[in-house]
């Protein structure tokens, strides 16, 4: 448990409880104590970065087009925004839906200006309302948008897969070997949407692209470092509209976020599986599924939040080795 929540060996309190045979009956109290301890910041940092691949930020430096806006301290602020937001949801035991439809975030002056938000001063992150802005929720974070791009351009396919894997818990199969790669047309003759429509004409591609493409197009108004844009470099207007496999349509990023939030059950399962995987230090197996189902049922019954979810992971059969 200490390696899960503190990334360190157990302290004296845990060792004494274990030696006296009192640790398991007191697990809930210990989870509360440990999450209130500053050492749990390691869990927040390590888990969030692993979950969302935030360590990839900076491995592919942005193109010269973005260097005017992008600096190492902006990269750091992006990561800290998402980690601070996760910490806030955890400390307040907020609903998991908060990750999808929060109308606020934690910004400093530089990150706020990057988002087009005025009136934020200083280098310290502070809670900032996003009401009336184009952003909101985890999908509007600069770190989320940068980690799902390559520093040069965006790909609806890459971002769509990222949303599927990180928020909805589904990893699509790799493309068939005989399907040509989708590359940006630097002449501007064909839009990425038109290229993807051609891919969807193939029966072998259609099913996966039906799930992937709308999720990626929903984020196309954000460039490779998470800045807002209304058109591509060749002045082609961006069309972020789409339709989810269930038939729900959206025209804008805020409408897309609302549809995501309405699918909270799928996100809750995804985050529960990510936390369980991190806690166990291994990939989940078929035998772990009943425990995930039990966790979700209890979480829903109690209307519990993130802290409650972590407690249930610690009390689960896979974690306890039962």
C-alpha atoms as a PDB file:
ATOM      1  CA  UNK A   1       0.000   0.000   0.000  1.00  0.00           C
ATOM      2  CA  UNK A   2       2.818   2.419   0.773  1.00  0.00           C
ATOM      3  CA  UNK A   3       4.354   1.813  -2.651  1.00  0.00           C
ATOM      4  CA  UNK A   4       0.956   2.507  -4.243  1.00  0.00           C
ATOM      5  CA  UNK A   5       0.153   5.717  -2.349  1.00  0.00           C
ATOM      6  CA  UNK A   6       3.604   7.014  -1.413  1.00  0.00           C
ATOM      7  CA  UNK A   7       6.042   5.375  -3.840  1.00  0.00           C
ATOM      8  CA  UNK A   8       8.138   4.500  -0.796  1.00  0.00           C
ATOM      9  CA  UNK A   9       8.515   1.799   1.891  1.00  0.00           C
ATOM     10  CA  UNK A  10       5.956   1.651   4.735  1.00  0.00           C
ATOM     11  CA  UNK A  11       6.413   3.991   7.672  1.00  0.00           C
ATOM     12  CA  UNK A  12       6.557   3.017  11.341  1.00  0.00           C
ATOM     13  CA  UNK A  13       2.788   3.243  11.787  1.00  0.00           C
ATOM     14  CA  UNK A  14       2.120   0.750   9.003  1.00  0.00           C
ATOM     15  CA  UNK A  15       4.858  -1.589  10.206  1.00  0.00           C
ATOM     16  CA  UNK A  16       3.496  -1.612  13.765  1.00  0.00           C
ATOM     17  CA  UNK A  17      -0.052  -2.300  12.581  1.00  0.00           C
ATOM     18  CA  UNK A  18       1.152  -5.124  10.361  1.00  0.00           C
ATOM     19  CA  UNK A  19       3.226  -6.651  13.167  1.00  0.00           C
ATOM     20  CA  UNK A  20       0.203  -6.567  15.478  1.00  0.00           C
ATOM     21  CA  UNK A  21      -2.086  -8.077  12.835  1.00  0.00           C
ATOM     22  CA  UNK A  22      -4.207  -4.930  12.802  1.00  0.00           C
ATOM     23  CA  UNK A  23      -3.374  -3.517   9.390  1.00  0.00           C
ATOM     24  CA  UNK A  24      -6.099  -5.107   7.293  1.00  0.00           C
ATOM     25  CA  UNK A  25      -8.979  -4.149   9.632  1.00  0.00           C
ATOM     26  CA  UNK A  26      -7.681  -0.584   9.653  1.00  0.00           C
ATOM     27  CA  UNK A  27      -6.984  -0.197   5.947  1.00  0.00           C
ATOM     28  CA  UNK A  28      -9.656   2.435   5.323  1.00  0.00           C
ATOM     29  CA  UNK A  29      -8.296   4.686   8.052  1.00  0.00           C
ATOM     30  CA  UNK A  30      -4.768   4.237   6.748  1.00  0.00           C
ATOM     31  CA  UNK A  31      -5.782   5.151   3.209  1.00  0.00           C
ATOM     32  CA  UNK A  32      -7.280   8.382   4.562  1.00  0.00           C
ATOM     33  CA  UNK A  33      -4.135   9.101   6.583  1.00  0.00           C
ATOM     34  CA  UNK A  34      -1.775   8.339   3.734  1.00  0.00           C
ATOM     35  CA  UNK A  35      -3.635  10.403   1.157  1.00  0.00           C
ATOM     36  CA  UNK A  36      -3.530  13.379   3.540  1.00  0.00           C
ATOM     37  CA  UNK A  37       0.244  13.005   3.874  1.00  0.00           C
ATOM     38  CA  UNK A  38       2.475  15.116   1.566  1.00  0.00           C
ATOM     39  CA  UNK A  39       4.147  11.897   0.424  1.00  0.00           C
ATOM     40  CA  UNK A  40       0.985  11.110  -1.554  1.00  0.00           C
ATOM     41  CA  UNK A  41       2.033  13.858  -3.975  1.00  0.00           C
ATOM     42  CA  UNK A  42       4.372  11.221  -5.419  1.00  0.00           C
ATOM     43  CA  UNK A  43       1.381   9.021  -6.194  1.00  0.00           C
ATOM     44  CA  UNK A  44      -0.417  11.913  -7.875  1.00  0.00           C
ATOM     45  CA  UNK A  45       2.605  12.815  -9.972  1.00  0.00           C
ATOM     46  CA  UNK A  46       3.572   9.263 -10.946  1.00  0.00           C
ATOM     47  CA  UNK A  47       0.054   8.019 -11.637  1.00  0.00           C
ATOM     48  CA  UNK A  48      -1.091  11.028 -13.664  1.00  0.00           C
ATOM     49  CA  UNK A  49       2.042  10.981 -15.789  1.00  0.00           C
ATOM     50  CA  UNK A  50       1.751   7.261 -16.459  1.00  0.00           C
ATOM     51  CA  UNK A  51      -1.996   7.385 -17.120  1.00  0.00           C
ATOM     52  CA  UNK A  52      -1.805  10.259 -19.634  1.00  0.00           C
ATOM     53  CA  UNK A  53       1.756   9.724 -20.939  1.00  0.00           C
ATOM     54  CA  UNK A  54       2.729  13.185 -19.731  1.00  0.00           C
ATOM     55  CA  UNK A  55       6.418  12.290 -19.683  1.00  0.00           C
ATOM     56  CA  UNK A  56       6.180  12.261 -23.483  1.00  0.00           C
ATOM     57  CA  UNK A  57       5.769  16.030 -23.401  1.00  0.00           C
ATOM     58  CA  UNK A  58       9.104  17.487 -24.415  1.00  0.00           C
ATOM     59  CA  UNK A  59      10.411  14.324 -26.068  1.00  0.00           C
ATOM     60  CA  UNK A  60       9.255  15.750 -29.411  1.00  0.00           C
ATOM     61  CA  UNK A  61      10.152  19.461 -29.359  1.00  0.00           C
ATOM     62  CA  UNK A  62       7.633  21.733 -31.077  1.00  0.00           C
ATOM     63  CA  UNK A  63       8.292  23.024 -34.578  1.00  0.00           C
ATOM     64  CA  UNK A  64       9.679  26.502 -35.151  1.00  0.00           C
ATOM     65  CA  UNK A  65       6.126  27.731 -35.714  1.00  0.00           C
ATOM     66  CA  UNK A  66       5.425  27.168 -32.021  1.00  0.00           C
ATOM     67  CA  UNK A  67       8.780  28.149 -30.499  1.00  0.00           C
ATOM     68  CA  UNK A  68       7.620  31.745 -30.014  1.00  0.00           C
ATOM     69  CA  UNK A  69       4.969  30.484 -27.579  1.00  0.00           C
ATOM     70  CA  UNK A  70       6.518  27.311 -26.190  1.00  0.00           C
ATOM     71  CA  UNK A  71       9.134  27.303 -23.451  1.00  0.00           C
ATOM     72  CA  UNK A  72      10.235  24.770 -20.863  1.00  0.00           C
ATOM     73  CA  UNK A  73       8.320  26.619 -18.142  1.00  0.00           C
ATOM     74  CA  UNK A  74       5.121  26.375 -20.225  1.00  0.00           C
ATOM     75  CA  UNK A  75       5.708  22.643 -20.533  1.00  0.00           C
ATOM     76  CA  UNK A  76       6.150  22.427 -16.756  1.00  0.00           C
ATOM     77  CA  UNK A  77       3.012  24.483 -16.131  1.00  0.00           C
ATOM     78  CA  UNK A  78       1.007  22.182 -18.392  1.00  0.00           C
ATOM     79  CA  UNK A  79       2.015  19.118 -16.400  1.00  0.00           C
ATOM     80  CA  UNK A  80       1.426  20.880 -13.097  1.00  0.00           C
ATOM     81  CA  UNK A  81      -2.038  22.010 -14.196  1.00  0.00           C
ATOM     82  CA  UNK A  82      -3.170  18.419 -14.688  1.00  0.00           C
ATOM     83  CA  UNK A  83      -1.449  17.128 -11.547  1.00  0.00           C
ATOM     84  CA  UNK A  84      -2.894  19.965  -9.442  1.00  0.00           C
ATOM     85  CA  UNK A  85      -6.349  19.345 -10.874  1.00  0.00           C
ATOM     86  CA  UNK A  86      -6.105  15.629 -10.011  1.00  0.00           C
ATOM     87  CA  UNK A  87      -4.948  16.551  -6.490  1.00  0.00           C
ATOM     88  CA  UNK A  88      -7.935  18.888  -6.104  1.00  0.00           C
ATOM     89  CA  UNK A  89     -10.423  16.202  -7.163  1.00  0.00           C
ATOM     90  CA  UNK A  90      -8.722  13.753  -4.789  1.00  0.00           C
ATOM     91  CA  UNK A  91      -8.559  16.047  -1.756  1.00  0.00           C
ATOM     92  CA  UNK A  92     -12.213  17.000  -2.109  1.00  0.00           C
ATOM     93  CA  UNK A  93     -13.382  13.481  -3.015  1.00  0.00           C
ATOM     94  CA  UNK A  94     -15.156  14.919  -6.037  1.00  0.00           C
ATOM     95  CA  UNK A  95     -17.117  12.858  -8.539  1.00  0.00           C
ATOM     96  CA  UNK A  96     -15.151  11.328 -11.397  1.00  0.00           C
ATOM     97  CA  UNK A  97     -17.379  13.366 -13.712  1.00  0.00           C
ATOM     98  CA  UNK A  98     -15.329  16.391 -12.616  1.00  0.00           C
ATOM     99  CA  UNK A  99     -12.531  15.193 -14.897  1.00  0.00           C
ATOM    100  CA  UNK A 100     -14.813  15.607 -17.898  1.00  0.00           C
ATOM    101  CA  UNK A 101     -16.940  18.678 -17.270  1.00  0.00           C
ATOM    102  CA  UNK A 102     -15.115  20.924 -14.770  1.00  0.00           C
ATOM    103  CA  UNK A 103     -15.538  24.596 -15.692  1.00  0.00           C
ATOM    104  CA  UNK A 104     -12.305  25.643 -13.977  1.00  0.00           C
ATOM    105  CA  UNK A 105      -8.648  24.698 -13.893  1.00  0.00           C
ATOM    106  CA  UNK A 106      -5.360  25.710 -12.256  1.00  0.00           C
ATOM    107  CA  UNK A 107      -3.273  28.158 -14.272  1.00  0.00           C
ATOM    108  CA  UNK A 108      -0.437  30.620 -13.926  1.00  0.00           C
ATOM    109  CA  UNK A 109      -0.015  33.741 -16.015  1.00  0.00           C
ATOM    110  CA  UNK A 110       1.897  32.083 -18.848  1.00  0.00           C
ATOM    111  CA  UNK A 111      -0.473  29.151 -19.199  1.00  0.00           C
ATOM    112  CA  UNK A 112      -3.515  31.427 -18.975  1.00  0.00           C
ATOM    113  CA  UNK A 113      -2.177  33.604 -21.797  1.00  0.00           C
ATOM    114  CA  UNK A 114      -1.524  30.465 -23.835  1.00  0.00           C
ATOM    115  CA  UNK A 115      -5.203  29.649 -23.337  1.00  0.00           C
ATOM    116  CA  UNK A 116      -6.264  33.183 -24.262  1.00  0.00           C
ATOM    117  CA  UNK A 117      -7.397  34.023 -20.723  1.00  0.00           C
ATOM    118  CA  UNK A 118      -6.595  37.477 -19.341  1.00  0.00           C
ATOM    119  CA  UNK A 119      -6.286  38.651 -15.747  1.00  0.00           C
ATOM    120  CA  UNK A 120      -4.139  35.872 -14.257  1.00  0.00           C
ATOM    121  CA  UNK A 121      -0.885  37.102 -12.699  1.00  0.00           C
ATOM    122  CA  UNK A 122       2.164  35.381 -11.252  1.00  0.00           C
ATOM    123  CA  UNK A 123       3.974  32.093 -11.736  1.00  0.00           C
ATOM    124  CA  UNK A 124       2.030  30.190  -9.087  1.00  0.00           C
ATOM    125  CA  UNK A 125      -0.862  28.032 -10.257  1.00  0.00           C
ATOM    126  CA  UNK A 126      -4.235  29.294  -9.070  1.00  0.00           C
ATOM    127  CA  UNK A 127      -7.818  28.235  -9.587  1.00  0.00           C
ATOM    128  CA  UNK A 128      -9.270  30.031 -12.609  1.00  0.00           C
ATOM    129  CA  UNK A 129     -12.845  29.914 -13.880  1.00  0.00           C
ATOM    130  CA  UNK A 130     -13.228  28.724 -17.462  1.00  0.00           C
ATOM    131  CA  UNK A 131     -16.878  29.756 -17.766  1.00  0.00           C
ATOM    132  CA  UNK A 132     -17.397  31.431 -21.099  1.00  0.00           C
ATOM    133  CA  UNK A 133     -14.131  30.051 -22.496  1.00  0.00           C
ATOM    134  CA  UNK A 134     -13.681  27.285 -25.045  1.00  0.00           C
ATOM    135  CA  UNK A 135     -11.987  25.004 -22.536  1.00  0.00           C
ATOM    136  CA  UNK A 136     -13.001  22.776 -19.694  1.00  0.00           C
ATOM    137  CA  UNK A 137     -12.377  19.351 -18.257  1.00  0.00           C
ATOM    138  CA  UNK A 138      -9.297  17.211 -18.715  1.00  0.00           C
ATOM    139  CA  UNK A 139      -9.594  17.162 -22.548  1.00  0.00           C
ATOM    140  CA  UNK A 140      -9.046  20.934 -22.546  1.00  0.00           C
ATOM    141  CA  UNK A 141      -5.759  20.755 -20.619  1.00  0.00           C
ATOM    142  CA  UNK A 142      -2.635  21.743 -22.509  1.00  0.00           C
ATOM    143  CA  UNK A 143      -0.837  18.628 -21.268  1.00  0.00           C
ATOM    144  CA  UNK A 144      -3.615  16.350 -22.540  1.00  0.00           C
ATOM    145  CA  UNK A 145      -3.575  18.023 -25.954  1.00  0.00           C
ATOM    146  CA  UNK A 146       0.220  18.173 -26.247  1.00  0.00           C
ATOM    147  CA  UNK A 147       0.764  14.563 -25.164  1.00  0.00           C
ATOM    148  CA  UNK A 148      -1.634  13.460 -27.906  1.00  0.00           C
ATOM    149  CA  UNK A 149       0.246  15.345 -30.651  1.00  0.00           C
ATOM    150  CA  UNK A 150       3.833  15.324 -31.909  1.00  0.00           C
ATOM    151  CA  UNK A 151       4.935  18.941 -31.532  1.00  0.00           C
ATOM    152  CA  UNK A 152       4.502  19.664 -35.242  1.00  0.00           C
ATOM    153  CA  UNK A 153       0.944  18.837 -36.235  1.00  0.00           C
ATOM    154  CA  UNK A 154      -2.128  17.024 -35.003  1.00  0.00           C
ATOM    155  CA  UNK A 155      -3.702  13.806 -36.191  1.00  0.00           C
ATOM    156  CA  UNK A 156      -7.370  13.057 -35.512  1.00  0.00           C
ATOM    157  CA  UNK A 157      -6.477   9.371 -35.598  1.00  0.00           C
ATOM    158  CA  UNK A 158      -3.708   9.665 -33.004  1.00  0.00           C
ATOM    159  CA  UNK A 159      -5.789  11.900 -30.758  1.00  0.00           C
ATOM    160  CA  UNK A 160      -8.874   9.743 -31.226  1.00  0.00           C
ATOM    161  CA  UNK A 161      -6.958   6.655 -30.122  1.00  0.00           C
ATOM    162  CA  UNK A 162      -5.553   8.626 -27.179  1.00  0.00           C
ATOM    163  CA  UNK A 163      -9.067   9.578 -26.016  1.00  0.00           C
ATOM    164  CA  UNK A 164     -10.270   6.002 -26.453  1.00  0.00           C
ATOM    165  CA  UNK A 165      -7.382   4.577 -24.434  1.00  0.00           C
ATOM    166  CA  UNK A 166      -7.035   7.218 -21.712  1.00  0.00           C
ATOM    167  CA  UNK A 167     -10.663   8.193 -21.091  1.00  0.00           C
ATOM    168  CA  UNK A 168     -12.835   5.372 -22.416  1.00  0.00           C
ATOM    169  CA  UNK A 169     -10.653   2.338 -21.723  1.00  0.00           C
ATOM    170  CA  UNK A 170     -10.607   0.866 -25.219  1.00  0.00           C
ATOM    171  CA  UNK A 171      -7.517   0.086 -27.291  1.00  0.00           C
ATOM    172  CA  UNK A 172      -8.364  -0.384 -30.972  1.00  0.00           C
ATOM    173  CA  UNK A 173      -6.525  -3.080 -32.937  1.00  0.00           C
ATOM    174  CA  UNK A 174      -3.608  -2.040 -35.165  1.00  0.00           C
ATOM    175  CA  UNK A 175      -4.450  -1.190 -38.785  1.00  0.00           C
ATOM    176  CA  UNK A 176      -4.188  -3.927 -41.419  1.00  0.00           C
ATOM    177  CA  UNK A 177      -0.682  -4.090 -42.947  1.00  0.00           C
ATOM    178  CA  UNK A 178      -1.903  -3.306 -46.476  1.00  0.00           C
ATOM    179  CA  UNK A 179      -3.568   0.003 -45.554  1.00  0.00           C
ATOM    180  CA  UNK A 180      -1.542   3.123 -46.516  1.00  0.00           C
ATOM    181  CA  UNK A 181      -0.596   5.514 -43.743  1.00  0.00           C
ATOM    182  CA  UNK A 182      -2.484   8.767 -43.371  1.00  0.00           C
ATOM    183  CA  UNK A 183      -0.137  11.686 -43.883  1.00  0.00           C
ATOM    184  CA  UNK A 184      -0.906  15.405 -43.821  1.00  0.00           C
ATOM    185  CA  UNK A 185      -1.111  16.751 -47.384  1.00  0.00           C
ATOM    186  CA  UNK A 186       1.365  19.618 -47.284  1.00  0.00           C
ATOM    187  CA  UNK A 187      -0.051  21.042 -50.524  1.00  0.00           C
ATOM    188  CA  UNK A 188      -3.390  21.599 -48.833  1.00  0.00           C
ATOM    189  CA  UNK A 189      -5.156  19.849 -51.698  1.00  0.00           C
ATOM    190  CA  UNK A 190      -6.956  17.338 -49.498  1.00  0.00           C
ATOM    191  CA  UNK A 191      -8.139  17.877 -45.931  1.00  0.00           C
ATOM    192  CA  UNK A 192      -7.463  15.283 -43.265  1.00  0.00           C
ATOM    193  CA  UNK A 193     -11.216  14.767 -42.963  1.00  0.00           C
ATOM    194  CA  UNK A 194     -11.416  13.894 -46.674  1.00  0.00           C
ATOM    195  CA  UNK A 195      -8.462  11.522 -46.339  1.00  0.00           C
ATOM    196  CA  UNK A 196     -10.115   9.745 -43.430  1.00  0.00           C
ATOM    197  CA  UNK A 197     -13.393   9.471 -45.312  1.00  0.00           C
ATOM    198  CA  UNK A 198     -11.500   7.521 -47.957  1.00  0.00           C
ATOM    199  CA  UNK A 199     -10.178   5.187 -45.294  1.00  0.00           C
ATOM    200  CA  UNK A 200     -13.688   4.612 -44.015  1.00  0.00           C
ATOM    201  CA  UNK A 201     -14.734   3.452 -47.472  1.00  0.00           C
ATOM    202  CA  UNK A 202     -12.656   0.326 -46.830  1.00  0.00           C
ATOM    203  CA  UNK A 203     -14.554  -2.357 -44.938  1.00  0.00           C
ATOM    204  CA  UNK A 204     -11.396  -3.313 -43.032  1.00  0.00           C
ATOM    205  CA  UNK A 205     -10.976   0.263 -41.769  1.00  0.00           C
ATOM    206  CA  UNK A 206     -14.528   1.511 -41.377  1.00  0.00           C
ATOM    207  CA  UNK A 207     -15.423   0.005 -38.003  1.00  0.00           C
ATOM    208  CA  UNK A 208     -12.374   1.296 -36.125  1.00  0.00           C
ATOM    209  CA  UNK A 209     -12.385   4.712 -37.808  1.00  0.00           C
ATOM    210  CA  UNK A 210     -16.056   5.091 -36.929  1.00  0.00           C
ATOM    211  CA  UNK A 211     -14.981   4.950 -33.269  1.00  0.00           C
ATOM    212  CA  UNK A 212     -11.697   6.826 -33.572  1.00  0.00           C
ATOM    213  CA  UNK A 213     -12.205   9.708 -35.988  1.00  0.00           C
ATOM    214  CA  UNK A 214     -15.014  11.666 -34.271  1.00  0.00           C
ATOM    215  CA  UNK A 215     -13.054  11.753 -31.001  1.00  0.00           C
ATOM    216  CA  UNK A 216     -10.016  13.161 -32.790  1.00  0.00           C
ATOM    217  CA  UNK A 217     -11.940  15.703 -34.852  1.00  0.00           C
ATOM    218  CA  UNK A 218     -13.520  17.029 -31.651  1.00  0.00           C
ATOM    219  CA  UNK A 219     -10.033  18.221 -30.604  1.00  0.00           C
ATOM    220  CA  UNK A 220      -8.927  19.642 -33.967  1.00  0.00           C
ATOM    221  CA  UNK A 221      -9.449  23.247 -32.868  1.00  0.00           C
ATOM    222  CA  UNK A 222      -6.435  22.726 -30.596  1.00  0.00           C
ATOM    223  CA  UNK A 223      -3.006  22.782 -32.209  1.00  0.00           C
ATOM    224  CA  UNK A 224      -0.019  20.579 -31.382  1.00  0.00           C
ATOM    225  CA  UNK A 225       0.728  22.444 -28.137  1.00  0.00           C
ATOM    226  CA  UNK A 226      -2.886  22.950 -27.079  1.00  0.00           C
ATOM    227  CA  UNK A 227      -3.423  26.462 -28.410  1.00  0.00           C
ATOM    228  CA  UNK A 228      -6.755  27.360 -29.985  1.00  0.00           C
ATOM    229  CA  UNK A 229      -7.039  27.711 -33.768  1.00  0.00           C
ATOM    230  CA  UNK A 230      -9.954  28.289 -36.131  1.00  0.00           C
ATOM    231  CA  UNK A 231      -8.185  27.182 -39.315  1.00  0.00           C
ATOM    232  CA  UNK A 232      -5.259  25.100 -40.547  1.00  0.00           C
ATOM    233  CA  UNK A 233      -2.046  26.642 -41.878  1.00  0.00           C
ATOM    234  CA  UNK A 234      -3.409  26.579 -45.426  1.00  0.00           C
ATOM    235  CA  UNK A 235      -6.411  28.625 -44.230  1.00  0.00           C
ATOM    236  CA  UNK A 236      -8.784  25.682 -44.498  1.00  0.00           C
ATOM    237  CA  UNK A 237     -11.433  26.141 -41.786  1.00  0.00           C
ATOM    238  CA  UNK A 238     -11.501  23.516 -39.064  1.00  0.00           C
ATOM    239  CA  UNK A 239     -14.591  21.361 -38.813  1.00  0.00           C
ATOM    240  CA  UNK A 240     -14.717  19.717 -35.383  1.00  0.00           C
ATOM    241  CA  UNK A 241     -18.199  18.251 -35.777  1.00  0.00           C
ATOM    242  CA  UNK A 242     -18.800  14.538 -35.523  1.00  0.00           C
ATOM    243  CA  UNK A 243     -21.077  11.712 -34.545  1.00  0.00           C
ATOM    244  CA  UNK A 244     -20.276   9.091 -31.916  1.00  0.00           C
ATOM    245  CA  UNK A 245     -20.928   5.400 -32.666  1.00  0.00           C
ATOM    246  CA  UNK A 246     -24.093   5.503 -30.556  1.00  0.00           C
ATOM    247  CA  UNK A 247     -25.477   8.204 -32.827  1.00  0.00           C
ATOM    248  CA  UNK A 248     -24.904  11.265 -30.611  1.00  0.00           C
ATOM    249  CA  UNK A 249     -23.857  14.262 -32.720  1.00  0.00           C
ATOM    250  CA  UNK A 250     -21.797  17.294 -31.699  1.00  0.00           C
ATOM    251  CA  UNK A 251     -20.662  20.445 -33.482  1.00  0.00           C
ATOM    252  CA  UNK A 252     -18.205  21.983 -31.028  1.00  0.00           C
ATOM    253  CA  UNK A 253     -15.690  20.968 -28.380  1.00  0.00           C
ATOM    254  CA  UNK A 254     -18.018  21.991 -25.490  1.00  0.00           C
ATOM    255  CA  UNK A 255     -20.795  19.847 -26.973  1.00  0.00           C
ATOM    256  CA  UNK A 256     -18.345  16.958 -27.274  1.00  0.00           C
ATOM    257  CA  UNK A 257     -17.296  17.340 -23.628  1.00  0.00           C
ATOM    258  CA  UNK A 258     -20.910  17.162 -22.542  1.00  0.00           C
ATOM    259  CA  UNK A 259     -21.372  13.916 -24.461  1.00  0.00           C
ATOM    260  CA  UNK A 260     -18.233  12.536 -22.800  1.00  0.00           C
ATOM    261  CA  UNK A 261     -19.537  13.526 -19.371  1.00  0.00           C
ATOM    262  CA  UNK A 262     -22.819  11.805 -20.133  1.00  0.00           C
ATOM    263  CA  UNK A 263     -20.781   8.621 -20.639  1.00  0.00           C
ATOM    264  CA  UNK A 264     -19.342   8.871 -17.142  1.00  0.00           C
ATOM    265  CA  UNK A 265     -19.877   5.155 -16.483  1.00  0.00           C
ATOM    266  CA  UNK A 266     -17.422   4.271 -19.231  1.00  0.00           C
ATOM    267  CA  UNK A 267     -14.877   6.783 -17.941  1.00  0.00           C
ATOM    268  CA  UNK A 268     -15.317   5.533 -14.358  1.00  0.00           C
ATOM    269  CA  UNK A 269     -14.540   1.990 -15.462  1.00  0.00           C
ATOM    270  CA  UNK A 270     -11.526   3.187 -17.415  1.00  0.00           C
ATOM    271  CA  UNK A 271     -10.077   5.171 -14.494  1.00  0.00           C
ATOM    272  CA  UNK A 272     -10.782   2.304 -12.074  1.00  0.00           C
ATOM    273  CA  UNK A 273      -8.862  -0.072 -14.324  1.00  0.00           C
ATOM    274  CA  UNK A 274      -5.973   2.387 -14.682  1.00  0.00           C
ATOM    275  CA  UNK A 275      -5.747   2.793 -10.891  1.00  0.00           C
ATOM    276  CA  UNK A 276      -5.940  -0.950 -10.295  1.00  0.00           C
ATOM    277  CA  UNK A 277      -3.228  -1.587 -12.887  1.00  0.00           C
ATOM    278  CA  UNK A 278      -0.985   1.019 -11.252  1.00  0.00           C
ATOM    279  CA  UNK A 279      -1.668  -0.335  -7.753  1.00  0.00           C
ATOM    280  CA  UNK A 280      -0.932  -3.943  -8.718  1.00  0.00           C
ATOM    281  CA  UNK A 281       2.068  -3.141 -10.882  1.00  0.00           C
ATOM    282  CA  UNK A 282       0.777  -5.410 -13.648  1.00  0.00           C
ATOM    283  CA  UNK A 283      -1.793  -5.551 -16.403  1.00  0.00           C
ATOM    284  CA  UNK A 284      -5.278  -6.631 -15.411  1.00  0.00           C
ATOM    285  CA  UNK A 285      -6.437 -10.164 -16.086  1.00  0.00           C
ATOM    286  CA  UNK A 286      -9.869 -11.628 -16.776  1.00  0.00           C
ATOM    287  CA  UNK A 287     -10.083 -12.720 -13.144  1.00  0.00           C
ATOM    288  CA  UNK A 288      -9.823  -9.083 -12.018  1.00  0.00           C
ATOM    289  CA  UNK A 289     -12.994  -8.005 -13.828  1.00  0.00           C
ATOM    290  CA  UNK A 290     -15.459  -9.036 -11.087  1.00  0.00           C
ATOM    291  CA  UNK A 291     -13.533  -6.882  -8.622  1.00  0.00           C
ATOM    292  CA  UNK A 292     -13.739  -3.880 -10.947  1.00  0.00           C
ATOM    293  CA  UNK A 293     -17.486  -4.486 -11.265  1.00  0.00           C
ATOM    294  CA  UNK A 294     -17.821  -4.603  -7.463  1.00  0.00           C
ATOM    295  CA  UNK A 295     -15.818  -1.398  -7.063  1.00  0.00           C
ATOM    296  CA  UNK A 296     -17.973   0.449  -9.584  1.00  0.00           C
ATOM    297  CA  UNK A 297     -21.215  -0.808  -8.052  1.00  0.00           C
ATOM    298  CA  UNK A 298     -20.177   0.324  -4.569  1.00  0.00           C
ATOM    299  CA  UNK A 299     -18.837   3.631  -5.863  1.00  0.00           C
ATOM    300  CA  UNK A 300     -22.111   4.318  -7.646  1.00  0.00           C
ATOM    301  CA  UNK A 301     -24.198   3.248  -4.663  1.00  0.00           C
ATOM    302  CA  UNK A 302     -22.342   5.612  -2.351  1.00  0.00           C
ATOM    303  CA  UNK A 303     -22.080   8.380  -4.961  1.00  0.00           C
ATOM    304  CA  UNK A 304     -18.419   8.324  -4.043  1.00  0.00           C
ATOM    305  CA  UNK A 305     -15.596  10.344  -5.525  1.00  0.00           C
ATOM    306  CA  UNK A 306     -11.946   9.807  -6.379  1.00  0.00           C
ATOM    307  CA  UNK A 307     -10.730   9.273  -2.812  1.00  0.00           C
ATOM    308  CA  UNK A 308     -13.430   6.650  -2.280  1.00  0.00           C
ATOM    309  CA  UNK A 309     -12.393   4.917  -5.505  1.00  0.00           C
ATOM    310  CA  UNK A 310      -8.803   4.657  -4.293  1.00  0.00           C
ATOM    311  CA  UNK A 311      -9.992   3.240  -0.969  1.00  0.00           C
ATOM    312  CA  UNK A 312     -12.029   0.594  -2.789  1.00  0.00           C
ATOM    313  CA  UNK A 313      -9.011  -0.360  -4.903  1.00  0.00           C
ATOM    314  CA  UNK A 314      -6.985  -0.916  -1.721  1.00  0.00           C
ATOM    315  CA  UNK A 315      -9.778  -3.052  -0.229  1.00  0.00           C
ATOM    316  CA  UNK A 316     -10.246  -5.098  -3.407  1.00  0.00           C
ATOM    317  CA  UNK A 317      -9.443  -8.799  -3.649  1.00  0.00           C
ATOM    318  CA  UNK A 318      -6.700  -8.401  -6.279  1.00  0.00           C
ATOM    319  CA  UNK A 319      -4.885  -5.798  -4.174  1.00  0.00           C
ATOM    320  CA  UNK A 320      -5.160  -7.834  -0.970  1.00  0.00           C
ATOM    321  CA  UNK A 321      -4.145 -11.007  -2.775  1.00  0.00           C
ATOM    322  CA  UNK A 322      -7.391 -12.817  -1.942  1.00  0.00           C
END
